[in-house]
N, C-alpha and C. Protein backbone atom coordinates (compact mmCIF):
# COMPACT_ATOMS: atom_id res chain seq x y z
N MET A 1 0.83 -1.21 0.00
CA MET A 1 0.00 0.00 0.00
C MET A 1 0.87 1.26 0.00
N LYS A 2 1.95 1.25 0.78
CA LYS A 2 2.83 2.43 0.85
C LYS A 2 3.48 2.69 -0.50
N SER A 3 3.90 1.62 -1.19
CA SER A 3 4.56 1.80 -2.49
C SER A 3 3.60 2.41 -3.51
N ILE A 4 2.32 1.98 -3.46
CA ILE A 4 1.31 2.52 -4.37
C ILE A 4 1.08 4.00 -4.06
N ARG A 5 1.02 4.32 -2.77
CA ARG A 5 0.79 5.71 -2.36
C ARG A 5 1.94 6.61 -2.79
N THR A 6 3.17 6.14 -2.61
CA THR A 6 4.34 6.93 -3.01
C THR A 6 4.39 7.07 -4.52
N PHE A 7 3.96 6.02 -5.24
CA PHE A 7 3.92 6.08 -6.70
C PHE A 7 2.93 7.14 -7.17
N ILE A 8 1.75 7.18 -6.53
CA ILE A 8 0.73 8.17 -6.88
C ILE A 8 1.24 9.58 -6.55
N LEU A 9 1.93 9.72 -5.40
CA LEU A 9 2.47 11.02 -5.01
C LEU A 9 3.52 11.50 -6.01
N SER A 10 4.42 10.59 -6.41
CA SER A 10 5.45 10.96 -7.39
C SER A 10 4.81 11.26 -8.74
N PHE A 11 3.76 10.50 -9.09
CA PHE A 11 3.03 10.73 -10.34
C PHE A 11 2.40 12.12 -10.31
N GLY A 12 1.85 12.50 -9.15
CA GLY A 12 1.24 13.82 -8.98
C GLY A 12 2.27 14.93 -9.06
N LYS A 13 3.47 14.68 -8.53
CA LYS A 13 4.53 15.69 -8.58
C LYS A 13 4.96 15.95 -10.02
N PHE A 14 5.01 14.89 -10.83
CA PHE A 14 5.41 15.06 -12.23
C PHE A 14 4.33 15.81 -13.02
N ASN A 15 3.05 15.56 -12.67
CA ASN A 15 1.94 16.19 -13.40
C ASN A 15 1.16 17.12 -12.46
N LEU A 16 1.82 18.17 -11.99
CA LEU A 16 1.14 19.13 -11.11
C LEU A 16 0.12 19.95 -11.89
N ILE A 17 0.45 20.27 -13.16
CA ILE A 17 -0.44 21.10 -13.98
C ILE A 17 -1.65 20.28 -14.42
N ASP A 18 -1.40 19.06 -14.91
CA ASP A 18 -2.48 18.21 -15.44
C ASP A 18 -3.02 17.32 -14.33
N SER A 19 -3.97 17.86 -13.55
CA SER A 19 -4.54 17.10 -12.43
C SER A 19 -5.58 16.09 -12.92
N LYS A 20 -6.14 16.32 -14.12
CA LYS A 20 -7.16 15.40 -14.66
C LYS A 20 -6.56 14.03 -14.93
N SER A 21 -5.29 13.98 -15.35
CA SER A 21 -4.64 12.70 -15.65
C SER A 21 -4.56 11.83 -14.41
N ILE A 22 -4.36 12.46 -13.23
CA ILE A 22 -4.29 11.70 -11.97
C ILE A 22 -5.65 11.08 -11.67
N ILE A 23 -6.73 11.85 -11.91
CA ILE A 23 -8.08 11.34 -11.65
C ILE A 23 -8.37 10.15 -12.56
N TYR A 24 -8.01 10.29 -13.85
CA TYR A 24 -8.23 9.19 -14.80
C TYR A 24 -7.41 7.97 -14.42
N PHE A 25 -6.17 8.20 -13.95
CA PHE A 25 -5.30 7.10 -13.52
C PHE A 25 -5.91 6.37 -12.34
N LEU A 26 -6.44 7.12 -11.37
CA LEU A 26 -7.08 6.51 -10.19
C LEU A 26 -8.33 5.73 -10.60
N LEU A 27 -9.11 6.28 -11.53
CA LEU A 27 -10.30 5.58 -12.02
C LEU A 27 -9.92 4.27 -12.70
N LEU A 28 -8.88 4.31 -13.52
CA LEU A 28 -8.40 3.10 -14.20
C LEU A 28 -7.96 2.05 -13.18
N ALA A 29 -7.20 2.48 -12.18
CA ALA A 29 -6.72 1.56 -11.14
C ALA A 29 -7.91 0.94 -10.40
N PHE A 30 -8.93 1.75 -10.10
CA PHE A 30 -10.12 1.27 -9.39
C PHE A 30 -10.87 0.24 -10.23
N ILE A 31 -11.02 0.51 -11.53
CA ILE A 31 -11.72 -0.42 -12.44
C ILE A 31 -10.94 -1.73 -12.54
N ILE A 32 -9.60 -1.64 -12.65
CA ILE A 32 -8.77 -2.84 -12.73
C ILE A 32 -8.91 -3.67 -11.46
N LEU A 33 -8.94 -3.01 -10.30
CA LEU A 33 -9.12 -3.71 -9.02
C LEU A 33 -10.47 -4.41 -8.98
N LEU A 34 -11.52 -3.74 -9.44
CA LEU A 34 -12.86 -4.34 -9.46
C LEU A 34 -12.89 -5.58 -10.34
N ILE A 35 -12.31 -5.48 -11.54
CA ILE A 35 -12.28 -6.62 -12.47
C ILE A 35 -11.47 -7.77 -11.87
N ALA A 36 -10.34 -7.45 -11.24
CA ALA A 36 -9.49 -8.48 -10.64
C ALA A 36 -10.22 -9.20 -9.51
N THR A 37 -10.87 -8.45 -8.63
CA THR A 37 -11.59 -9.07 -7.51
C THR A 37 -12.76 -9.91 -8.03
N GLU A 38 -13.44 -9.41 -9.06
CA GLU A 38 -14.57 -10.15 -9.64
C GLU A 38 -14.10 -11.48 -10.23
N SER A 39 -12.98 -11.45 -10.95
CA SER A 39 -12.44 -12.67 -11.55
C SER A 39 -11.98 -13.65 -10.47
N VAL A 40 -11.40 -13.13 -9.39
CA VAL A 40 -10.96 -13.99 -8.29
C VAL A 40 -12.16 -14.66 -7.64
N ILE A 41 -13.24 -13.90 -7.42
CA ILE A 41 -14.45 -14.46 -6.82
C ILE A 41 -15.02 -15.55 -7.73
N LYS A 42 -15.05 -15.29 -9.04
CA LYS A 42 -15.56 -16.28 -9.99
C LYS A 42 -14.69 -17.54 -9.98
N ASN A 43 -13.37 -17.38 -9.95
CA ASN A 43 -12.46 -18.52 -9.95
C ASN A 43 -12.61 -19.36 -8.68
N THR A 44 -12.84 -18.70 -7.54
CA THR A 44 -12.98 -19.44 -6.28
C THR A 44 -14.34 -20.11 -6.19
N SER A 45 -15.36 -19.54 -6.83
CA SER A 45 -16.70 -20.12 -6.76
C SER A 45 -16.89 -21.25 -7.77
N VAL A 46 -16.04 -21.35 -8.78
CA VAL A 46 -16.17 -22.39 -9.81
C VAL A 46 -16.02 -23.80 -9.21
N PRO A 47 -14.98 -24.08 -8.38
CA PRO A 47 -14.84 -25.44 -7.82
C PRO A 47 -16.01 -25.85 -6.93
N LEU A 48 -16.62 -24.88 -6.23
CA LEU A 48 -17.74 -25.20 -5.34
C LEU A 48 -18.95 -25.63 -6.16
């Protein structure tokens, strides 16, 4: 979690002017997390 937070902070430092790119990046990360958790739940429920 700390590495992700520092990565986002460094990403924000590089793009101080373009704050919209950070929002889009966070949205993408959130969508990827949702898809990953959904696939994990499906994979674990398949054997049952």
